[in-house]
N, C-alpha and C. Protein backbone atom coordinates (compact mmCIF):
# COMPACT_ATOMS: atom_id res chain seq x y z
N MET A 1 15.91 -0.08 -2.08
CA MET A 1 16.34 -1.48 -1.71
C MET A 1 18.05 -1.46 -2.26
N THR A 2 18.41 -1.28 -3.09
CA THR A 2 19.36 -1.26 -3.69
C THR A 2 20.02 0.35 -3.56
N PRO A 3 21.23 0.79 -4.43
CA PRO A 3 21.53 2.59 -4.38
C PRO A 3 21.42 2.94 -5.79
N MET A 4 20.81 1.72 -6.81
CA MET A 4 20.16 2.17 -7.73
C MET A 4 18.77 2.87 -7.77
N MET A 5 18.17 2.38 -6.62
CA MET A 5 16.59 3.03 -6.61
C MET A 5 16.17 3.42 -5.41
N ALA A 6 17.18 3.78 -4.35
CA ALA A 6 16.80 4.59 -3.11
C ALA A 6 17.23 6.13 -3.26
N ALA A 7 16.85 6.72 -2.36
CA ALA A 7 16.81 8.36 -1.78
C ALA A 7 16.48 9.02 -2.97
N HIS A 8 15.81 9.03 -3.78
CA HIS A 8 15.32 9.79 -4.81
C HIS A 8 13.92 10.12 -3.86
N PRO A 9 13.71 11.75 -4.62
CA PRO A 9 12.37 12.35 -3.84
C PRO A 9 11.36 11.46 -4.94
N ILE A 10 10.32 10.86 -3.77
CA ILE A 10 9.04 11.09 -4.30
C ILE A 10 8.04 11.90 -4.81
N SER A 11 7.32 11.59 -6.05
CA SER A 11 6.49 12.60 -6.29
C SER A 11 5.31 12.79 -5.77
N PRO A 12 4.49 13.79 -5.84
CA PRO A 12 3.27 14.21 -5.35
C PRO A 12 2.30 12.98 -5.95
N ALA A 13 2.84 12.26 -7.16
CA ALA A 13 1.82 11.53 -7.42
C ALA A 13 2.01 10.15 -6.80
N GLU A 14 3.13 10.05 -6.29
CA GLU A 14 3.15 8.96 -5.62
C GLU A 14 2.70 8.65 -4.21
N ARG A 15 2.26 9.91 -3.66
CA ARG A 15 1.68 9.69 -2.20
C ARG A 15 1.19 11.34 -1.85
N SER A 16 0.38 11.39 -0.58
CA SER A 16 -0.47 12.42 -0.54
C SER A 16 0.63 13.68 -0.28
N ARG A 17 0.31 14.70 0.00
CA ARG A 17 1.40 15.84 -0.22
C ARG A 17 1.44 16.16 1.36
N PRO A 18 2.56 16.24 1.83
CA PRO A 18 2.50 16.39 3.41
C PRO A 18 2.19 17.71 3.88
N GLY A 19 2.31 17.72 5.51
CA GLY A 19 2.13 19.20 5.75
C GLY A 19 3.47 19.62 5.85
N LEU A 20 3.44 21.26 6.30
CA LEU A 20 4.35 22.30 6.34
C LEU A 20 5.47 21.33 6.96
N ARG A 21 5.42 20.99 7.96
CA ARG A 21 6.33 20.60 8.93
C ARG A 21 7.05 19.39 8.17
N GLU A 22 6.35 18.36 7.76
CA GLU A 22 6.88 17.44 7.18
C GLU A 22 7.64 18.22 5.65
N ARG A 23 6.98 18.87 5.20
CA ARG A 23 7.94 19.60 3.74
C ARG A 23 9.00 19.90 3.95
N LYS A 24 9.37 21.01 5.36
CA LYS A 24 10.40 21.32 5.56
C LYS A 24 11.18 20.11 5.82
N LYS A 25 11.07 18.91 6.52
CA LYS A 25 12.61 17.98 7.08
C LYS A 25 12.74 17.50 5.56
N ILE A 26 11.61 17.16 4.29
CA ILE A 26 12.01 16.82 3.25
C ILE A 26 13.26 17.72 2.71
N ARG A 27 12.91 18.92 3.02
CA ARG A 27 13.75 19.88 2.30
C ARG A 27 15.21 19.71 3.00
N THR A 28 15.04 19.96 4.20
CA THR A 28 16.72 19.62 4.94
C THR A 28 17.22 18.34 4.64
N ARG A 29 16.70 17.35 4.00
CA ARG A 29 17.02 16.14 4.19
C ARG A 29 17.81 15.70 2.55
N GLU A 30 16.89 16.93 2.00
CA GLU A 30 17.23 16.59 0.34
C GLU A 30 18.55 17.83 0.43
N ALA A 31 18.64 18.95 0.97
CA ALA A 31 19.80 19.78 1.28
C ALA A 31 21.34 19.07 1.81
N ILE A 32 21.14 18.26 2.83
CA ILE A 32 22.18 17.30 3.15
C ILE A 32 22.32 16.66 2.32
N ARG A 33 21.80 15.81 1.46
CA ARG A 33 21.68 14.84 0.58
C ARG A 33 22.81 15.45 -0.56
N SER A 34 22.31 16.87 -0.77
CA SER A 34 22.63 17.15 -2.33
C SER A 34 24.28 18.31 -1.97
N ALA A 35 24.53 18.51 -0.70
CA ALA A 35 25.89 19.01 0.11
C ALA A 35 26.63 17.63 0.31
N THR A 36 26.44 16.56 0.51
CA THR A 36 27.11 15.83 0.52
C THR A 36 27.42 15.24 -0.85
N TYR A 37 27.14 14.71 -1.60
CA TYR A 37 27.27 14.79 -2.89
C TYR A 37 28.25 15.35 -3.63
N GLU A 38 27.81 16.54 -3.35
CA GLU A 38 28.80 17.96 -4.10
C GLU A 38 30.07 17.45 -3.42
N LEU A 39 30.09 17.68 -2.43
CA LEU A 39 31.61 17.18 -1.49
C LEU A 39 32.29 16.24 -1.88
N ILE A 40 31.67 14.88 -1.89
CA ILE A 40 32.28 13.85 -1.92
C ILE A 40 32.36 13.78 -3.71
N GLU A 41 31.85 14.49 -4.31
CA GLU A 41 32.25 14.46 -6.17
C GLU A 41 33.81 15.72 -5.94
N GLU A 42 33.86 16.55 -5.00
CA GLU A 42 34.69 17.59 -4.77
C GLU A 42 36.12 17.14 -4.02
N ARG A 43 36.13 16.14 -3.05
CA ARG A 43 37.32 15.77 -2.11
C ARG A 43 37.12 14.29 -1.93
N GLY A 44 36.19 13.51 -2.33
CA GLY A 44 36.50 12.33 -2.01
C GLY A 44 35.71 12.08 -0.85
N TYR A 45 35.16 10.81 -0.28
CA TYR A 45 34.55 10.38 0.77
C TYR A 45 34.78 10.86 1.44
N ASP A 46 36.16 10.19 2.12
CA ASP A 46 36.72 10.02 3.27
C ASP A 46 37.62 11.48 4.00
N ALA A 47 37.41 12.33 2.68
CA ALA A 47 37.77 13.52 3.42
C ALA A 47 36.81 14.29 3.50
N THR A 48 35.21 14.24 3.17
CA THR A 48 34.32 15.09 3.36
C THR A 48 33.66 14.39 4.75
N THR A 49 33.41 15.91 5.65
CA THR A 49 33.12 15.33 7.10
C THR A 49 31.59 15.68 7.15
N ILE A 50 31.39 15.54 8.27
CA ILE A 50 29.92 15.81 8.83
C ILE A 50 29.88 17.51 9.16
N GLU A 51 30.85 18.03 9.64
CA GLU A 51 31.00 19.99 9.81
C GLU A 51 31.12 20.30 8.75
N GLN A 52 31.59 19.58 7.28
CA GLN A 52 31.72 20.41 6.09
C GLN A 52 30.73 20.31 5.22
N ILE A 53 29.38 19.19 5.49
CA ILE A 53 27.97 18.80 5.16
C ILE A 53 27.53 19.68 5.27
N ALA A 54 27.60 20.11 6.87
CA ALA A 54 26.54 20.77 7.85
C ALA A 54 26.86 22.42 7.27
N ASP A 55 27.81 22.80 7.30
CA ASP A 55 28.47 24.20 6.58
C ASP A 55 27.92 24.25 5.06
N ARG A 56 28.12 23.53 4.47
CA ARG A 56 27.18 23.56 2.70
C ARG A 56 26.02 23.31 2.44
N ALA A 57 25.36 22.83 3.75
CA ALA A 57 23.51 22.48 4.02
C ALA A 57 23.16 23.39 4.63
N GLU A 58 23.91 24.40 5.12
CA GLU A 58 23.25 25.64 5.78
C GLU A 58 22.96 25.37 7.20
N VAL A 59 23.39 23.80 7.85
CA VAL A 59 22.28 23.41 8.83
C VAL A 59 23.66 23.27 9.81
N SER A 60 23.39 22.73 11.19
CA SER A 60 24.30 22.79 11.88
C SER A 60 24.68 21.02 12.07
N PRO A 61 25.80 21.01 12.61
CA PRO A 61 26.28 19.44 12.55
C PRO A 61 25.21 18.17 12.72
N SER A 62 24.60 18.84 14.41
CA SER A 62 23.46 18.12 14.81
C SER A 62 22.49 17.81 14.30
N THR A 63 22.11 18.63 13.25
CA THR A 63 21.27 18.64 12.29
C THR A 63 21.34 17.37 11.46
N VAL A 64 22.62 17.34 11.13
CA VAL A 64 22.86 16.35 9.89
C VAL A 64 22.34 15.18 11.03
N LEU A 65 23.64 15.21 11.85
CA LEU A 65 23.41 13.43 12.57
C LEU A 65 21.95 13.50 13.25
N ARG A 66 20.93 14.09 13.23
CA ARG A 66 19.76 14.12 13.58
C ARG A 66 19.03 13.16 12.62
N TYR A 67 19.06 13.66 11.30
CA TYR A 67 18.46 13.24 10.39
C TYR A 67 19.08 11.78 9.91
N PHE A 68 20.45 11.80 9.98
CA PHE A 68 21.36 10.47 9.08
C PHE A 68 22.54 10.44 10.69
N PRO A 69 22.22 9.65 11.24
CA PRO A 69 23.17 8.90 12.12
C PRO A 69 24.88 8.73 12.12
N ALA A 70 24.71 8.37 11.06
CA ALA A 70 26.33 7.93 10.28
C ALA A 70 26.10 9.01 8.84
N LYS A 71 27.76 9.59 8.34
CA LYS A 71 27.72 9.91 7.10
C LYS A 71 27.48 8.50 5.98
N GLU A 72 27.47 7.83 6.03
CA GLU A 72 27.04 6.35 5.44
C GLU A 72 25.65 6.50 5.62
N ASP A 73 25.02 6.67 5.84
CA ASP A 73 23.74 7.04 5.92
C ASP A 73 23.03 7.72 4.96
N ILE A 74 23.63 9.10 4.72
CA ILE A 74 23.25 10.20 4.22
C ILE A 74 23.20 9.25 2.51
N VAL A 75 23.74 8.37 2.01
CA VAL A 75 24.44 8.17 0.84
C VAL A 75 23.38 6.77 0.83
N LEU A 76 23.25 5.76 1.82
CA LEU A 76 22.17 4.77 1.95
C LEU A 76 20.68 4.76 2.12
N THR A 77 20.40 5.69 2.53
CA THR A 77 18.74 5.76 3.25
C THR A 77 17.82 5.52 2.08
N ASP A 78 17.21 4.65 2.45
CA ASP A 78 15.98 4.28 1.31
C ASP A 78 14.49 4.68 1.74
N GLU A 79 14.20 5.63 1.13
CA GLU A 79 12.88 5.97 1.13
C GLU A 79 11.91 5.44 0.35
N LEU A 80 12.62 4.79 -1.04
CA LEU A 80 11.68 4.00 -1.72
C LEU A 80 10.82 2.58 -1.20
N CYS A 81 11.67 2.26 -1.08
CA CYS A 81 11.81 0.83 -0.35
C CYS A 81 9.93 0.66 0.08
N PRO A 82 9.39 1.40 1.22
CA PRO A 82 7.92 1.08 1.45
C PRO A 82 7.25 1.51 0.15
N LEU A 83 7.37 1.98 -0.32
CA LEU A 83 6.42 2.58 -1.87
C LEU A 83 6.58 1.14 -3.20
N LEU A 84 8.10 0.51 -2.89
CA LEU A 84 8.26 -0.39 -3.76
C LEU A 84 7.64 -1.64 -3.54
N LEU A 85 7.81 -1.96 -2.23
CA LEU A 85 6.66 -2.88 -1.79
C LEU A 85 5.28 -2.94 -1.68
N ALA A 86 4.90 -1.52 -1.49
CA ALA A 86 3.13 -1.42 -1.46
C ALA A 86 2.96 -1.89 -3.20
N GLN A 87 4.13 -1.33 -4.46
CA GLN A 87 3.63 -1.74 -5.55
C GLN A 87 3.57 -2.79 -5.93
N PHE A 88 4.56 -3.46 -5.25
CA PHE A 88 4.59 -5.25 -5.20
C PHE A 88 3.42 -5.71 -4.79
N ARG A 89 2.87 -5.35 -3.52
CA ARG A 89 1.82 -5.86 -3.50
C ARG A 89 0.39 -5.44 -3.95
N ALA A 90 0.61 -4.40 -4.68
CA ALA A 90 -0.32 -4.44 -5.96
C ALA A 90 -0.41 -4.81 -6.99
N ARG A 91 0.04 -5.80 -7.62
CA ARG A 91 0.56 -6.39 -8.73
C ARG A 91 -0.32 -7.62 -8.74
N PRO A 92 -1.01 -8.03 -9.69
CA PRO A 92 -2.09 -8.80 -10.06
C PRO A 92 -1.92 -9.84 -9.34
N ALA A 93 -2.87 -10.67 -8.37
CA ALA A 93 -2.88 -11.69 -7.56
C ALA A 93 -2.44 -12.82 -8.67
N ASP A 94 -2.77 -13.08 -9.63
CA ASP A 94 -2.47 -14.19 -10.13
C ASP A 94 -0.69 -14.42 -11.01
N GLU A 95 -0.49 -12.82 -10.82
CA GLU A 95 0.65 -12.68 -11.57
C GLU A 95 2.20 -13.68 -10.40
N PRO A 96 3.15 -14.61 -11.09
CA PRO A 96 4.16 -14.92 -10.26
C PRO A 96 4.47 -14.21 -9.23
N TRP A 97 5.11 -14.02 -8.32
CA TRP A 97 5.95 -13.22 -7.35
C TRP A 97 7.26 -13.02 -8.06
N LEU A 98 7.82 -13.47 -8.82
CA LEU A 98 8.91 -13.42 -9.34
C LEU A 98 8.87 -12.35 -10.49
N ASP A 99 8.03 -12.59 -11.26
CA ASP A 99 7.98 -11.76 -12.05
C ASP A 99 7.28 -10.16 -11.85
N SER A 100 6.47 -10.43 -10.42
CA SER A 100 6.35 -9.01 -9.92
C SER A 100 7.39 -8.37 -9.52
N LEU A 101 7.90 -9.06 -8.56
CA LEU A 101 9.67 -8.64 -8.30
C LEU A 101 10.12 -7.73 -9.38
N ARG A 102 10.22 -8.52 -10.70
CA ARG A 102 11.13 -8.41 -11.94
C ARG A 102 10.47 -6.52 -12.25
N ASN A 103 9.04 -6.93 -12.30
CA ASN A 103 8.24 -5.46 -12.95
C ASN A 103 8.44 -4.14 -11.89
N VAL A 104 8.57 -4.31 -10.75
CA VAL A 104 8.68 -3.30 -10.03
C VAL A 104 9.79 -3.30 -9.93
N LEU A 105 11.07 -3.61 -9.71
CA LEU A 105 12.52 -3.32 -9.47
C LEU A 105 12.79 -2.51 -11.18
N ARG A 106 12.18 -3.37 -12.23
CA ARG A 106 12.90 -2.40 -13.69
C ARG A 106 11.94 -1.34 -13.55
N ARG A 107 11.19 -0.99 -12.77
CA ARG A 107 10.29 0.31 -12.42
C ARG A 107 11.27 1.60 -11.81
N ALA A 108 11.60 0.66 -10.40
CA ALA A 108 12.18 1.51 -9.52
C ALA A 108 13.49 1.91 -10.29
N ILE A 109 14.29 0.92 -10.91
CA ILE A 109 15.77 1.25 -11.39
C ILE A 109 15.42 2.41 -12.44
N ASP A 110 14.55 2.54 -13.20
CA ASP A 110 14.35 3.57 -14.36
C ASP A 110 14.45 4.19 -14.15
N HIS A 111 13.59 4.49 -13.02
CA HIS A 111 13.10 5.78 -12.07
C HIS A 111 14.23 6.80 -11.82
N GLY A 112 15.47 6.02 -11.10
CA GLY A 112 16.56 6.36 -10.18
C GLY A 112 17.27 6.88 -11.33
N ILE A 113 17.56 5.95 -12.55
CA ILE A 113 18.43 6.27 -13.11
C ILE A 113 18.15 7.69 -14.03
N GLY A 114 16.76 7.98 -14.30
CA GLY A 114 15.73 8.34 -15.11
C GLY A 114 16.10 9.94 -14.32
N GLU A 115 15.65 9.81 -12.62
CA GLU A 115 15.61 11.12 -12.32
C GLU A 115 17.01 12.01 -11.90
N ARG A 116 17.96 11.19 -11.21
CA ARG A 116 19.51 11.09 -11.08
C ARG A 116 20.19 10.74 -11.43
N PRO A 117 20.28 10.50 -12.45
CA PRO A 117 21.79 9.31 -13.09
C PRO A 117 22.89 9.83 -12.31
N GLU A 118 23.57 10.86 -11.91
CA GLU A 118 24.64 11.27 -11.58
C GLU A 118 24.54 10.94 -10.31
N VAL A 119 23.60 10.59 -9.35
CA VAL A 119 23.37 11.09 -7.93
C VAL A 119 24.38 8.92 -8.16
N THR A 120 23.03 8.40 -8.77
CA THR A 120 22.62 6.60 -8.73
C THR A 120 23.84 6.01 -8.96
N ARG A 121 24.68 6.90 -10.07
CA ARG A 121 26.10 6.11 -10.49
C ARG A 121 27.36 6.64 -8.92
N LEU A 122 27.25 7.76 -8.44
CA LEU A 122 27.95 8.02 -7.04
C LEU A 122 27.77 6.89 -6.45
N ARG A 123 26.89 6.57 -6.07
CA ARG A 123 26.36 5.79 -4.96
C ARG A 123 26.48 4.56 -5.11
N CYS A 124 26.13 3.89 -6.46
CA CYS A 124 26.35 2.61 -6.75
C CYS A 124 28.28 2.57 -6.38
N ARG A 125 29.01 3.71 -7.04
CA ARG A 125 30.58 3.54 -7.00
C ARG A 125 31.26 3.51 -5.74
N LEU A 126 30.37 4.47 -4.77
CA LEU A 126 30.71 4.50 -3.31
C LEU A 126 30.33 3.27 -2.76
N MET A 127 29.25 1.97 -2.77
CA MET A 127 29.33 1.19 -1.93
C MET A 127 30.49 0.19 -2.60
N ALA A 128 30.84 0.15 -3.70
CA ALA A 128 31.94 -0.89 -4.60
C ALA A 128 33.33 -0.23 -4.38
N GLU A 129 33.23 0.69 -3.72
CA GLU A 129 34.55 1.40 -3.63
C GLU A 129 34.94 1.58 -1.97
N VAL A 130 34.21 1.80 -1.14
CA VAL A 130 34.08 2.43 -0.19
C VAL A 130 33.82 1.34 1.26
N PRO A 131 34.72 1.04 1.74
CA PRO A 131 34.35 -0.10 2.58
C PRO A 131 33.29 -0.10 3.35
N ALA A 132 33.84 1.55 4.35
CA ALA A 132 32.16 1.56 5.46
C ALA A 132 30.80 1.75 4.66
N VAL A 133 30.94 2.53 4.12
CA VAL A 133 29.83 2.08 3.08
C VAL A 133 29.25 1.07 2.65
N ARG A 134 29.95 -0.05 2.22
CA ARG A 134 29.67 -1.55 2.01
C ARG A 134 28.91 -1.69 3.24
N SER A 135 29.71 -1.72 4.11
CA SER A 135 29.33 -2.63 5.56
C SER A 135 28.07 -1.63 5.83
N ARG A 136 27.99 -0.38 5.91
CA ARG A 136 26.64 -0.20 6.50
C ARG A 136 25.27 -0.42 5.73
N MET A 137 25.52 -0.99 4.53
CA MET A 137 24.69 -1.06 3.53
C MET A 137 24.34 -2.57 3.85
N LEU A 138 25.26 -3.47 4.42
CA LEU A 138 24.75 -4.88 4.78
C LEU A 138 23.64 -4.60 5.98
N GLU A 139 24.51 -3.89 6.93
CA GLU A 139 23.73 -3.81 8.41
C GLU A 139 22.29 -3.22 7.69
N ASN A 140 21.91 -2.63 7.10
CA ASN A 140 20.65 -1.87 6.94
C ASN A 140 19.73 -2.67 5.74
N LEU A 141 20.47 -3.57 5.40
CA LEU A 141 18.94 -4.75 4.65
C LEU A 141 18.70 -5.57 5.73
N ALA A 142 19.14 -5.43 6.72
CA ALA A 142 18.11 -6.52 7.46
C ALA A 142 16.91 -6.17 7.89
N GLY A 143 16.73 -5.21 7.89
CA GLY A 143 14.95 -4.32 8.07
C GLY A 143 14.28 -4.55 6.67
N THR A 144 15.00 -4.37 5.47
CA THR A 144 14.73 -4.66 4.19
C THR A 144 14.05 -5.77 3.85
N GLY A 145 15.28 -6.77 4.57
CA GLY A 145 14.80 -8.29 4.41
C GLY A 145 13.74 -8.66 4.70
N HIS A 146 13.36 -8.38 6.03
CA HIS A 146 11.60 -8.89 6.79
C HIS A 146 10.34 -7.99 5.92
N LEU A 147 10.88 -7.09 5.77
CA LEU A 147 9.60 -6.35 4.80
C LEU A 147 9.40 -7.21 3.33
N LEU A 148 10.70 -7.46 3.09
CA LEU A 148 10.36 -8.04 1.20
C LEU A 148 9.97 -9.39 2.03
N GLY A 149 10.42 -10.13 2.82
CA GLY A 149 9.93 -11.59 2.98
C GLY A 149 8.50 -11.74 3.54
N ALA A 150 7.97 -10.77 3.90
CA ALA A 150 6.75 -10.62 4.42
C ALA A 150 6.01 -10.58 3.06
N ALA A 151 6.43 -9.78 1.98
CA ALA A 151 5.74 -9.72 0.92
C ALA A 151 5.54 -10.83 0.24
N ILE A 152 6.24 -11.46 -0.09
CA ILE A 152 6.92 -12.75 -0.96
C ILE A 152 6.26 -13.76 -0.43
N GLY A 153 6.32 -13.89 1.00
CA GLY A 153 5.69 -14.72 1.74
C GLY A 153 3.78 -14.57 1.63
N GLU A 154 3.57 -13.65 1.29
CA GLU A 154 2.07 -13.34 1.06
C GLU A 154 1.50 -13.46 -0.09
N ARG A 155 2.79 -13.04 -1.56
CA ARG A 155 2.24 -13.58 -2.40
C ARG A 155 2.25 -15.23 -2.98
N ALA A 156 3.39 -15.66 -2.28
CA ALA A 156 3.87 -17.24 -2.59
C ALA A 156 3.01 -18.28 -1.54
N GLY A 157 1.98 -17.55 -0.44
CA GLY A 157 1.29 -18.21 0.09
C GLY A 157 2.23 -19.41 1.49
N ARG A 158 3.89 -18.36 1.80
CA ARG A 158 4.32 -19.45 2.38
C ARG A 158 4.60 -18.51 3.65
N ASP A 159 4.67 -18.84 4.82
CA ASP A 159 5.40 -18.42 6.16
C ASP A 159 6.68 -17.69 6.10
N PRO A 160 5.93 -16.59 6.11
CA PRO A 160 7.54 -15.23 5.94
C PRO A 160 8.92 -15.58 6.73
N GLU A 161 9.03 -16.39 7.76
CA GLU A 161 9.59 -16.63 8.74
C GLU A 161 10.32 -17.62 8.23
N SER A 162 9.91 -18.68 7.46
CA SER A 162 10.41 -20.17 7.24
C SER A 162 11.41 -19.70 6.77
N LEU A 163 12.28 -20.75 6.68
CA LEU A 163 13.87 -21.01 6.38
C LEU A 163 14.36 -20.71 4.63
N GLU A 164 12.62 -21.21 4.41
CA GLU A 164 12.81 -21.19 2.31
C GLU A 164 13.13 -19.59 2.30
N VAL A 165 11.82 -19.05 3.19
CA VAL A 165 11.41 -17.48 2.47
C VAL A 165 12.85 -16.63 2.83
N ARG A 166 13.08 -16.79 4.44
CA ARG A 166 14.57 -16.07 4.84
C ARG A 166 15.38 -16.21 3.65
N VAL A 167 15.82 -17.65 3.47
CA VAL A 167 17.13 -17.94 2.67
C VAL A 167 17.06 -17.04 0.95
N LEU A 168 15.88 -16.96 0.38
CA LEU A 168 15.49 -16.60 -0.47
C LEU A 168 15.69 -14.92 -0.50
N THR A 169 14.91 -14.27 0.47
CA THR A 169 14.96 -13.04 0.57
C THR A 169 16.40 -12.35 1.10
N THR A 170 17.43 -13.04 1.53
CA THR A 170 18.68 -12.90 2.00
C THR A 170 19.51 -12.85 0.52
N SER A 171 19.32 -13.75 0.16
CA SER A 171 20.05 -13.82 -1.21
C SER A 171 19.56 -13.24 -2.08
N LEU A 172 18.17 -12.43 -2.50
CA LEU A 172 18.04 -11.61 -3.53
C LEU A 172 18.52 -10.05 -2.89
N LEU A 173 18.28 -10.13 -1.74
CA LEU A 173 19.30 -8.48 -1.44
C LEU A 173 20.48 -8.77 -2.02
N ALA A 174 21.42 -9.79 -1.69
CA ALA A 174 22.51 -9.90 -1.76
C ALA A 174 22.82 -9.88 -3.54
N ALA A 175 22.09 -10.48 -3.94
CA ALA A 175 22.16 -10.35 -5.46
C ALA A 175 22.01 -8.94 -6.30
N LEU A 176 20.92 -8.32 -5.51
CA LEU A 176 20.55 -7.00 -5.73
C LEU A 176 22.25 -5.66 -5.69
N THR A 177 22.60 -6.05 -4.44
CA THR A 177 23.53 -5.38 -3.78
C THR A 177 24.72 -5.66 -4.96
N GLU A 178 25.00 -6.89 -5.00
CA GLU A 178 25.86 -7.43 -6.18
C GLU A 178 26.03 -6.87 -7.72
N VAL A 179 24.62 -6.86 -8.24
CA VAL A 179 23.74 -6.32 -9.39
C VAL A 179 24.57 -4.62 -9.38
N ALA A 180 24.60 -3.80 -8.11
CA ALA A 180 24.99 -2.15 -7.95
C ALA A 180 26.34 -2.17 -7.97
N GLN A 181 27.37 -3.32 -7.68
CA GLN A 181 29.11 -3.38 -7.49
C GLN A 181 29.20 -3.62 -8.64
N TYR A 182 28.56 -4.94 -9.36
CA TYR A 182 29.29 -4.88 -10.99
C TYR A 182 28.92 -3.99 -11.59
N TRP A 183 27.76 -3.13 -11.72
CA TRP A 183 27.50 -1.92 -12.78
C TRP A 183 28.43 -1.41 -12.42
N ALA A 184 28.82 -0.90 -10.83
CA ALA A 184 30.02 0.12 -11.10
C ALA A 184 31.32 -0.22 -11.28
N ARG A 185 31.79 -1.55 -11.04
CA ARG A 185 33.26 -2.03 -11.26
C ARG A 185 33.45 -2.06 -12.84
N THR A 186 32.14 -2.12 -13.77
CA THR A 186 32.04 -2.48 -15.12
C THR A 186 32.24 -0.98 -15.74
N GLY A 187 32.23 0.11 -15.41
CA GLY A 187 32.08 1.48 -15.59
C GLY A 187 30.89 1.63 -16.05
N PHE A 188 29.37 1.19 -15.42
CA PHE A 188 28.20 1.60 -15.74
C PHE A 188 27.91 1.21 -17.31
N ARG A 189 28.57 0.35 -17.84
CA ARG A 189 28.15 0.02 -19.53
C ARG A 189 26.91 -0.57 -19.83
N ASP A 190 26.48 -0.98 -19.06
CA ASP A 190 25.06 -2.16 -19.05
C ASP A 190 24.09 -1.37 -18.87
N ASP A 191 23.02 -1.63 -18.85
CA ASP A 191 21.96 -1.01 -18.88
C ASP A 191 21.32 -1.99 -17.26
N PRO A 192 21.30 -1.26 -15.89
CA PRO A 192 21.42 -1.77 -14.61
C PRO A 192 19.78 -2.66 -14.61
N ALA A 193 19.01 -2.32 -15.24
CA ALA A 193 17.68 -3.04 -15.14
C ALA A 193 17.79 -4.35 -15.70
N ASP A 194 18.77 -4.63 -16.93
CA ASP A 194 18.85 -5.85 -17.46
C ASP A 194 19.52 -6.65 -16.51
N LEU A 195 20.57 -5.72 -15.81
CA LEU A 195 21.74 -7.01 -15.02
C LEU A 195 20.75 -7.30 -13.81
N ALA A 196 19.55 -6.66 -13.38
CA ALA A 196 18.82 -7.14 -12.50
C ALA A 196 18.22 -8.06 -12.68
N ASP A 197 17.66 -7.86 -14.31
CA ASP A 197 17.05 -9.45 -15.01
C ASP A 197 17.68 -10.38 -14.86
N ARG A 198 18.76 -10.58 -15.19
CA ARG A 198 19.68 -11.50 -15.18
C ARG A 198 19.84 -12.41 -13.81
N ALA A 199 20.24 -11.08 -12.78
CA ALA A 199 20.27 -11.80 -11.26
C ALA A 199 19.22 -12.43 -10.95
N LEU A 200 17.66 -11.80 -11.38
CA LEU A 200 16.82 -12.85 -10.89
C LEU A 200 16.25 -14.18 -11.78
N ALA A 201 17.01 -14.11 -12.84
CA ALA A 201 16.56 -15.17 -13.50
C ALA A 201 17.41 -16.63 -13.05
N VAL A 202 18.07 -16.73 -11.60
CA VAL A 202 18.75 -17.95 -11.18
C VAL A 202 17.50 -18.20 -10.24
N TYR A 203 16.28 -17.34 -9.70
CA TYR A 203 15.73 -17.93 -8.81
C TYR A 203 14.52 -19.01 -9.50
N ASP A 204 13.70 -19.82 -8.41
CA ASP A 204 12.87 -20.66 -8.57
C ASP A 204 11.70 -19.60 -8.18
N PRO A 205 10.68 -19.06 -9.03
CA PRO A 205 9.70 -18.87 -8.12
C PRO A 205 8.79 -19.68 -7.18
N ASP A 206 8.83 -21.37 -7.21
CA ASP A 206 8.02 -21.98 -6.67
C ASP A 206 8.80 -22.34 -5.43
N LEU A 207 9.85 -21.44 -4.92
CA LEU A 207 10.24 -21.47 -3.51
C LEU A 207 10.74 -22.91 -3.30
N GLY A 208 11.10 -23.99 -4.30
CA GLY A 208 11.60 -25.51 -3.48
C GLY A 208 10.26 -25.85 -3.00
N ALA A 209 10.14 -26.75 -2.39
CA ALA A 209 9.41 -28.13 -2.00
C ALA A 209 8.87 -27.51 -0.77
N GLU A 210 7.32 -27.82 -0.64
CA GLU A 210 7.15 -27.06 0.97
C GLU A 210 7.47 -27.78 2.33
N ASN A 211 7.75 -27.46 3.53
CA ASN A 211 8.57 -28.72 4.29
C ASN A 211 7.41 -29.21 4.77
N PRO A 212 7.53 -30.58 4.83
CA PRO A 212 6.30 -31.18 5.80
C PRO A 212 6.07 -30.41 7.28
């Protein structure tokens, strides 16, 4: 959902093993991502081009753009979002939705930090410092918001298209985006999972009064 928890490889334990063709696609995507991260560290975001990324990843520029329509998408593409939402839906039915979300987010953030901490920090820093990355992030949140709204609506027994749920999910995603930027702006000094907990603490698990 945010750069603290997105674009990390999903382990075989978390999904069934894909076929050969799909594995090749995954390797290509990871090669493009790794090349991008290396080049950005070496040259900076603006000085890194699609052509340079393609050369480092040993693919063509058209292949890079086939997998990622824009350079910003290489940094931001979120493969874990569907998995996180599935985990959210799998939480105990009697658990308040906010507690379920808090639990899933903490696990996701811990996974992201534990697997590739340097990449997670780079992605958060880029979102905080590069307007194009931040703008693309906001564009991409629209789809995530609908998925999250549906999951929260199911758990809370509310219409996912209701004003209350839509406002809640929009503000939740904005809050998590701000957590990532705050973490980067403050030099990564805090535990990001604790920051997410602090952000979620402002929300009412009852979603306010039911609209008559």
